[in-house]
N, C-alpha and C. Protein backbone atom coordinates (compact mmCIF):
# COMPACT_ATOMS: atom_id res chain seq x y z
N MET A 1 -23.53 112.15 -81.43
CA MET A 1 -24.21 111.83 -82.68
C MET A 1 -25.71 111.69 -82.39
N THR A 2 -26.52 112.22 -83.25
CA THR A 2 -27.95 112.17 -83.12
C THR A 2 -28.50 110.82 -83.59
N TYR A 3 -29.40 110.27 -82.80
CA TYR A 3 -30.04 109.00 -83.15
C TYR A 3 -31.11 109.28 -84.19
N THR A 4 -31.06 108.63 -85.34
CA THR A 4 -31.94 108.95 -86.45
C THR A 4 -33.04 107.91 -86.71
N LYS A 5 -33.06 106.86 -85.92
CA LYS A 5 -34.06 105.80 -86.12
C LYS A 5 -35.30 106.12 -85.30
N PRO A 6 -36.41 105.43 -85.53
CA PRO A 6 -37.60 105.64 -84.70
C PRO A 6 -37.30 105.38 -83.24
N ILE A 7 -37.89 106.21 -82.39
CA ILE A 7 -37.68 106.07 -80.93
C ILE A 7 -39.02 105.67 -80.30
N PRO A 8 -39.02 104.57 -79.54
CA PRO A 8 -40.28 104.15 -78.91
C PRO A 8 -40.75 105.16 -77.87
N LYS A 9 -42.06 105.20 -77.66
CA LYS A 9 -42.65 106.08 -76.67
C LYS A 9 -43.36 105.24 -75.61
N ALA A 10 -43.06 105.52 -74.39
CA ALA A 10 -43.68 104.78 -73.30
C ALA A 10 -45.15 105.17 -73.19
N THR A 11 -45.95 104.17 -72.82
CA THR A 11 -47.38 104.38 -72.52
C THR A 11 -47.53 104.08 -71.03
N PRO A 12 -48.69 104.36 -70.44
CA PRO A 12 -48.85 104.02 -69.02
C PRO A 12 -48.56 102.52 -68.73
N GLU A 13 -48.92 101.63 -69.67
CA GLU A 13 -48.71 100.21 -69.51
C GLU A 13 -47.26 99.80 -69.62
N THR A 14 -46.46 100.55 -70.41
CA THR A 14 -45.07 100.16 -70.67
C THR A 14 -44.05 100.99 -69.91
N GLN A 15 -44.49 101.97 -69.15
CA GLN A 15 -43.57 102.89 -68.48
C GLN A 15 -42.52 102.15 -67.63
N GLU A 16 -42.94 101.16 -66.86
CA GLU A 16 -41.99 100.44 -65.99
C GLU A 16 -40.99 99.62 -66.80
N PHE A 17 -41.42 99.08 -67.91
CA PHE A 17 -40.53 98.34 -68.80
C PHE A 17 -39.40 99.27 -69.27
N TRP A 18 -39.76 100.45 -69.78
CA TRP A 18 -38.75 101.39 -70.29
C TRP A 18 -37.89 101.96 -69.16
N ALA A 19 -38.50 102.24 -68.00
CA ALA A 19 -37.72 102.75 -66.85
C ALA A 19 -36.71 101.68 -66.40
N GLY A 20 -37.09 100.43 -66.39
CA GLY A 20 -36.14 99.38 -66.03
C GLY A 20 -34.99 99.27 -67.00
N LEU A 21 -35.28 99.37 -68.29
CA LEU A 21 -34.21 99.31 -69.30
C LEU A 21 -33.24 100.46 -69.09
N ARG A 22 -33.78 101.63 -68.77
CA ARG A 22 -32.91 102.77 -68.54
C ARG A 22 -31.93 102.52 -67.39
N ARG A 23 -32.36 101.73 -66.38
CA ARG A 23 -31.50 101.33 -65.28
C ARG A 23 -30.68 100.08 -65.57
N HIS A 24 -30.78 99.62 -66.82
CA HIS A 24 -30.12 98.37 -67.30
C HIS A 24 -30.64 97.16 -66.56
N GLU A 25 -31.98 97.12 -66.41
CA GLU A 25 -32.69 95.99 -65.86
C GLU A 25 -33.77 95.60 -66.87
N LEU A 26 -33.93 94.30 -67.15
CA LEU A 26 -35.04 93.84 -67.95
C LEU A 26 -36.17 93.50 -67.02
N ARG A 27 -37.25 94.25 -67.07
CA ARG A 27 -38.39 94.06 -66.17
C ARG A 27 -39.63 93.68 -66.98
N ILE A 28 -40.26 92.59 -66.58
CA ILE A 28 -41.50 92.17 -67.23
C ILE A 28 -42.52 91.89 -66.14
N GLN A 29 -43.74 91.66 -66.55
CA GLN A 29 -44.81 91.48 -65.58
C GLN A 29 -44.94 90.03 -65.18
N TYR A 30 -45.44 89.84 -63.96
CA TYR A 30 -45.63 88.53 -63.35
C TYR A 30 -47.00 88.47 -62.71
N CYS A 31 -47.72 87.38 -62.98
CA CYS A 31 -49.05 87.22 -62.41
C CYS A 31 -48.93 86.49 -61.07
N ASN A 32 -49.43 87.14 -60.02
CA ASN A 32 -49.36 86.58 -58.67
C ASN A 32 -50.42 85.51 -58.44
N GLU A 33 -51.34 85.35 -59.36
CA GLU A 33 -52.39 84.33 -59.25
C GLU A 33 -51.96 83.02 -59.92
N CYS A 34 -51.58 83.08 -61.20
CA CYS A 34 -51.23 81.84 -61.90
C CYS A 34 -49.71 81.62 -61.91
N LEU A 35 -48.95 82.56 -61.31
CA LEU A 35 -47.52 82.44 -61.10
C LEU A 35 -46.73 82.30 -62.39
N ARG A 36 -47.09 83.15 -63.39
CA ARG A 36 -46.40 83.11 -64.68
C ARG A 36 -45.99 84.52 -65.11
N TYR A 37 -44.83 84.57 -65.81
CA TYR A 37 -44.39 85.84 -66.40
C TYR A 37 -45.09 85.99 -67.74
N TYR A 38 -45.21 87.25 -68.17
CA TYR A 38 -45.73 87.49 -69.52
C TYR A 38 -45.17 88.77 -70.09
N PHE A 39 -45.20 88.86 -71.38
CA PHE A 39 -44.77 90.03 -72.13
C PHE A 39 -45.57 90.05 -73.41
N TYR A 40 -46.13 91.06 -73.77
CA TYR A 40 -45.92 92.49 -73.66
C TYR A 40 -46.75 93.05 -72.48
N PRO A 41 -46.35 94.22 -71.97
CA PRO A 41 -47.02 94.78 -70.78
C PRO A 41 -48.50 95.06 -71.03
N ARG A 42 -49.32 94.73 -70.03
CA ARG A 42 -50.74 95.05 -70.02
C ARG A 42 -51.24 94.97 -68.59
N PRO A 43 -52.39 95.54 -68.30
CA PRO A 43 -52.84 95.66 -66.91
C PRO A 43 -53.49 94.42 -66.31
N PHE A 44 -53.45 93.27 -67.01
CA PHE A 44 -54.06 92.06 -66.51
C PHE A 44 -53.33 90.87 -67.10
N CYS A 45 -53.43 89.74 -66.44
CA CYS A 45 -52.79 88.50 -66.90
C CYS A 45 -53.48 88.03 -68.19
N PRO A 46 -52.66 87.70 -69.23
CA PRO A 46 -53.24 87.34 -70.51
C PRO A 46 -53.63 85.84 -70.63
N PHE A 47 -53.31 85.04 -69.63
CA PHE A 47 -53.54 83.61 -69.76
C PHE A 47 -54.98 83.23 -69.58
N GLN A 48 -55.42 82.33 -70.48
CA GLN A 48 -56.81 81.85 -70.49
C GLN A 48 -57.15 81.29 -69.11
N GLY A 49 -58.27 81.67 -68.60
CA GLY A 49 -58.72 81.17 -67.32
C GLY A 49 -58.18 81.95 -66.13
N CYS A 50 -57.32 82.92 -66.35
CA CYS A 50 -56.77 83.70 -65.23
C CYS A 50 -57.30 85.14 -65.31
N ARG A 51 -56.70 85.92 -66.19
CA ARG A 51 -57.11 87.31 -66.40
C ARG A 51 -57.01 88.19 -65.15
N SER A 52 -56.21 87.76 -64.19
CA SER A 52 -56.08 88.48 -62.90
C SER A 52 -55.45 89.85 -63.10
N GLU A 53 -55.85 90.79 -62.26
CA GLU A 53 -55.19 92.09 -62.21
C GLU A 53 -54.17 92.12 -61.09
N ASN A 54 -53.95 91.02 -60.43
CA ASN A 54 -52.96 90.91 -59.30
C ASN A 54 -51.61 90.62 -59.92
N ILE A 55 -50.98 91.64 -60.47
CA ILE A 55 -49.72 91.50 -61.19
C ILE A 55 -48.66 92.40 -60.57
N THR A 56 -47.39 92.03 -60.82
CA THR A 56 -46.28 92.85 -60.36
C THR A 56 -45.23 92.85 -61.48
N TRP A 57 -44.34 93.83 -61.36
CA TRP A 57 -43.19 93.90 -62.26
C TRP A 57 -42.02 93.23 -61.54
N LYS A 58 -41.26 92.40 -62.29
CA LYS A 58 -40.09 91.74 -61.73
C LYS A 58 -38.92 91.90 -62.70
N THR A 59 -37.76 92.02 -62.10
CA THR A 59 -36.53 92.03 -62.92
C THR A 59 -36.16 90.57 -63.22
N VAL A 60 -35.95 90.31 -64.49
CA VAL A 60 -35.61 88.94 -64.92
C VAL A 60 -34.14 88.85 -65.33
N SER A 61 -33.71 87.65 -65.65
CA SER A 61 -32.29 87.37 -65.83
C SER A 61 -31.63 88.05 -66.99
N GLY A 62 -32.34 88.32 -68.08
CA GLY A 62 -31.73 88.86 -69.28
C GLY A 62 -31.09 87.80 -70.16
N PHE A 63 -31.37 86.52 -69.84
CA PHE A 63 -30.88 85.41 -70.63
C PHE A 63 -32.03 84.87 -71.46
N ALA A 64 -31.71 84.41 -72.67
CA ALA A 64 -32.76 83.93 -73.58
C ALA A 64 -32.18 82.93 -74.53
N LYS A 65 -33.05 82.38 -75.39
CA LYS A 65 -32.59 81.56 -76.51
C LYS A 65 -33.30 82.04 -77.75
N LEU A 66 -32.64 81.82 -78.88
CA LEU A 66 -33.19 82.27 -80.17
C LEU A 66 -34.38 81.40 -80.55
N TYR A 67 -35.51 82.03 -80.77
CA TYR A 67 -36.71 81.31 -81.17
C TYR A 67 -36.90 81.35 -82.67
N SER A 68 -36.83 82.55 -83.26
CA SER A 68 -37.01 82.73 -84.69
C SER A 68 -36.30 84.03 -85.12
N TYR A 69 -36.04 84.15 -86.39
CA TYR A 69 -35.37 85.40 -86.86
C TYR A 69 -35.58 85.59 -88.34
N VAL A 70 -35.26 86.81 -88.78
CA VAL A 70 -35.15 87.14 -90.19
C VAL A 70 -33.98 88.08 -90.32
N ILE A 71 -33.28 87.95 -91.41
CA ILE A 71 -32.16 88.85 -91.71
C ILE A 71 -32.69 89.90 -92.68
N SER A 72 -32.72 91.14 -92.27
CA SER A 72 -33.23 92.20 -93.11
C SER A 72 -32.12 92.73 -94.02
N HIS A 73 -32.40 92.74 -95.31
CA HIS A 73 -31.45 93.28 -96.30
C HIS A 73 -31.97 94.59 -96.89
N ARG A 74 -33.03 95.11 -96.31
CA ARG A 74 -33.59 96.39 -96.73
C ARG A 74 -33.64 97.33 -95.56
N GLY A 75 -33.06 98.47 -95.70
CA GLY A 75 -33.08 99.41 -94.61
C GLY A 75 -33.79 100.70 -95.03
N PHE A 76 -34.60 101.20 -94.15
CA PHE A 76 -35.27 102.48 -94.36
C PHE A 76 -35.57 103.08 -93.03
N GLY A 77 -35.90 104.35 -93.00
CA GLY A 77 -36.26 105.02 -91.76
C GLY A 77 -35.12 105.10 -90.76
N GLY A 78 -33.91 105.21 -91.24
CA GLY A 78 -32.74 105.31 -90.39
C GLY A 78 -31.93 104.04 -90.31
N PHE A 79 -32.44 102.95 -90.84
CA PHE A 79 -31.76 101.64 -90.76
C PHE A 79 -30.88 101.35 -92.01
N GLU A 80 -30.77 102.28 -92.90
CA GLU A 80 -30.05 102.05 -94.16
C GLU A 80 -28.61 101.59 -93.92
N GLU A 81 -27.95 102.15 -92.97
CA GLU A 81 -26.55 101.82 -92.74
C GLU A 81 -26.33 100.54 -91.94
N ASP A 82 -27.42 99.97 -91.42
CA ASP A 82 -27.32 98.76 -90.60
C ASP A 82 -27.43 97.47 -91.39
N ILE A 83 -27.88 97.52 -92.63
CA ILE A 83 -28.14 96.27 -93.38
C ILE A 83 -26.84 95.55 -93.68
N PRO A 84 -26.86 94.25 -93.65
CA PRO A 84 -27.99 93.42 -93.14
C PRO A 84 -28.00 93.39 -91.60
N TYR A 85 -29.19 93.23 -91.03
CA TYR A 85 -29.28 93.16 -89.57
C TYR A 85 -30.35 92.08 -89.22
N VAL A 86 -30.27 91.61 -87.98
CA VAL A 86 -31.11 90.50 -87.55
C VAL A 86 -32.24 91.00 -86.67
N ILE A 87 -33.48 90.69 -87.10
CA ILE A 87 -34.67 90.93 -86.33
C ILE A 87 -35.08 89.56 -85.80
N ALA A 88 -35.28 89.46 -84.49
CA ALA A 88 -35.50 88.15 -83.91
C ALA A 88 -36.60 88.13 -82.86
N ILE A 89 -37.11 86.93 -82.64
CA ILE A 89 -37.94 86.67 -81.47
C ILE A 89 -37.10 85.77 -80.58
N VAL A 90 -36.93 86.22 -79.35
CA VAL A 90 -36.17 85.44 -78.38
C VAL A 90 -37.14 84.98 -77.30
N GLU A 91 -36.83 83.81 -76.74
CA GLU A 91 -37.61 83.27 -75.63
C GLU A 91 -36.80 83.46 -74.36
N LEU A 92 -37.28 84.32 -73.47
CA LEU A 92 -36.58 84.57 -72.22
C LEU A 92 -36.54 83.32 -71.37
N ASN A 93 -35.53 83.20 -70.54
CA ASN A 93 -35.43 82.03 -69.66
C ASN A 93 -36.68 81.89 -68.80
N GLU A 94 -37.33 83.00 -68.51
CA GLU A 94 -38.54 82.99 -67.69
C GLU A 94 -39.80 82.60 -68.48
N GLY A 95 -39.69 82.43 -69.80
CA GLY A 95 -40.80 81.94 -70.61
C GLY A 95 -41.32 82.84 -71.69
N PRO A 96 -41.59 84.11 -71.44
CA PRO A 96 -42.16 84.94 -72.49
C PRO A 96 -41.22 85.13 -73.69
N ARG A 97 -41.82 85.43 -74.81
CA ARG A 97 -41.05 85.76 -76.03
C ARG A 97 -41.16 87.24 -76.29
N MET A 98 -40.07 87.80 -76.87
CA MET A 98 -40.11 89.20 -77.22
C MET A 98 -39.35 89.43 -78.51
N MET A 99 -39.73 90.46 -79.23
CA MET A 99 -39.05 90.81 -80.45
C MET A 99 -37.88 91.74 -80.12
N THR A 100 -36.77 91.56 -80.84
CA THR A 100 -35.55 92.31 -80.56
C THR A 100 -34.62 92.24 -81.75
N ASN A 101 -33.41 92.71 -81.58
CA ASN A 101 -32.37 92.51 -82.56
C ASN A 101 -31.26 91.67 -81.96
N ILE A 102 -30.62 90.83 -82.78
CA ILE A 102 -29.44 90.07 -82.37
C ILE A 102 -28.25 90.86 -82.92
N ILE A 103 -27.31 91.20 -82.04
CA ILE A 103 -26.14 91.99 -82.42
C ILE A 103 -24.89 91.22 -82.11
N ASN A 104 -23.75 91.77 -82.54
CA ASN A 104 -22.44 91.22 -82.29
C ASN A 104 -22.29 89.79 -82.84
N ILE A 105 -22.89 89.57 -84.01
CA ILE A 105 -22.77 88.31 -84.71
C ILE A 105 -22.90 88.59 -86.20
N ASP A 106 -22.16 87.85 -87.00
CA ASP A 106 -22.28 88.01 -88.46
C ASP A 106 -23.67 87.54 -88.84
N PRO A 107 -24.47 88.44 -89.51
CA PRO A 107 -25.84 88.05 -89.85
C PRO A 107 -25.91 87.05 -91.00
N ASP A 108 -25.60 85.83 -90.71
CA ASP A 108 -25.58 84.75 -91.67
C ASP A 108 -26.35 83.57 -91.03
N PRO A 109 -27.25 82.93 -91.81
CA PRO A 109 -28.03 81.80 -91.26
C PRO A 109 -27.17 80.71 -90.59
N GLN A 110 -25.94 80.53 -91.06
CA GLN A 110 -25.09 79.51 -90.45
C GLN A 110 -24.74 79.88 -89.00
N ASN A 111 -24.77 81.15 -88.66
CA ASN A 111 -24.43 81.61 -87.32
C ASN A 111 -25.62 81.69 -86.39
N LEU A 112 -26.82 81.72 -86.93
CA LEU A 112 -28.05 81.94 -86.12
C LEU A 112 -28.74 80.61 -85.94
N ILE A 113 -28.35 79.91 -84.94
CA ILE A 113 -28.83 78.56 -84.65
C ILE A 113 -30.03 78.62 -83.74
N PRO A 114 -31.15 77.99 -84.11
CA PRO A 114 -32.31 77.92 -83.20
C PRO A 114 -31.88 77.43 -81.82
N ASP A 115 -32.43 78.03 -80.79
CA ASP A 115 -32.15 77.72 -79.39
C ASP A 115 -30.75 78.14 -78.91
N MET A 116 -30.00 78.88 -79.77
CA MET A 116 -28.70 79.34 -79.29
C MET A 116 -28.90 80.24 -78.07
N LEU A 117 -27.98 80.19 -77.15
CA LEU A 117 -28.08 80.96 -75.91
C LEU A 117 -27.66 82.42 -76.13
N LEU A 118 -28.48 83.30 -75.57
CA LEU A 118 -28.29 84.75 -75.77
C LEU A 118 -28.30 85.47 -74.41
N GLU A 119 -27.71 86.67 -74.42
CA GLU A 119 -27.77 87.52 -73.26
C GLU A 119 -28.12 88.94 -73.70
N ILE A 120 -28.74 89.67 -72.82
CA ILE A 120 -29.19 91.03 -73.13
C ILE A 120 -28.02 91.97 -73.21
N VAL A 121 -28.15 92.95 -74.12
CA VAL A 121 -27.25 94.08 -74.24
C VAL A 121 -28.13 95.32 -74.17
N PHE A 122 -27.78 96.24 -73.29
CA PHE A 122 -28.57 97.44 -73.12
C PHE A 122 -27.99 98.52 -74.03
N ASP A 123 -28.79 98.94 -75.03
CA ASP A 123 -28.33 99.95 -76.01
C ASP A 123 -28.96 101.30 -75.65
N ASP A 124 -28.14 102.16 -75.02
CA ASP A 124 -28.61 103.50 -74.63
C ASP A 124 -28.59 104.39 -75.86
N ILE A 125 -29.75 104.51 -76.51
CA ILE A 125 -29.84 105.28 -77.76
C ILE A 125 -29.97 106.77 -77.54
N THR A 126 -30.59 107.19 -76.42
CA THR A 126 -30.66 108.58 -75.99
C THR A 126 -30.50 108.61 -74.48
N GLU A 127 -30.55 109.79 -73.92
CA GLU A 127 -30.43 109.90 -72.47
C GLU A 127 -31.68 109.36 -71.79
N GLU A 128 -32.80 109.25 -72.51
CA GLU A 128 -34.04 108.78 -71.93
C GLU A 128 -34.43 107.35 -72.31
N ILE A 129 -33.92 106.85 -73.43
CA ILE A 129 -34.37 105.56 -73.96
C ILE A 129 -33.19 104.57 -74.13
N THR A 130 -33.43 103.37 -73.60
CA THR A 130 -32.52 102.25 -73.76
C THR A 130 -33.29 101.12 -74.43
N LEU A 131 -32.69 100.51 -75.44
CA LEU A 131 -33.33 99.39 -76.13
C LEU A 131 -32.72 98.06 -75.69
N PRO A 132 -33.56 97.04 -75.55
CA PRO A 132 -33.03 95.70 -75.23
C PRO A 132 -32.66 94.96 -76.50
N LYS A 133 -31.39 94.66 -76.63
CA LYS A 133 -30.91 93.84 -77.73
C LYS A 133 -30.22 92.62 -77.17
N PHE A 134 -30.00 91.62 -77.96
CA PHE A 134 -29.38 90.39 -77.47
C PHE A 134 -28.19 90.02 -78.32
N GLN A 135 -27.26 89.32 -77.71
CA GLN A 135 -26.06 88.82 -78.38
C GLN A 135 -25.80 87.39 -77.93
N PRO A 136 -25.05 86.64 -78.74
CA PRO A 136 -24.71 85.29 -78.28
C PRO A 136 -23.96 85.34 -76.95
N MET A 137 -24.16 84.33 -76.14
CA MET A 137 -23.48 84.22 -74.86
C MET A 137 -21.97 84.19 -75.10
N ASN A 138 -21.22 84.62 -74.10
CA ASN A 138 -19.75 84.62 -74.10
C ASN A 138 -19.16 85.54 -75.16
N GLN A 139 -19.76 86.71 -75.37
CA GLN A 139 -19.22 87.70 -76.31
C GLN A 139 -18.20 88.55 -75.62
């Protein structure tokens, strides 16, 4: 089946993030100066007072907690058949927050509890692209 939704395109800054997902690894950047993880990818540490370019990519746990979400009841651009679906911000165990989808749960506010524990699900949408999605722990 052909994937009909928008497909992300890697940039030089995000190439390692997408390559890691393809290998089913969640990789984010780590500052070797202030010793903190950060997301979204960029060539320098974003923290005030640091801004170091001494950064590395590290594979992280893939565990997170729900920070915020919205349930979308409008689908367009290939998402018409998915409604309702959950668009969320999750906070990785390592600290950074990222936008994603919560799957394998009934999209009802009673089920989407702030700070609920989540784990990554690697969604291989094409032979080249894997998306990071999250589901409640113990699915």
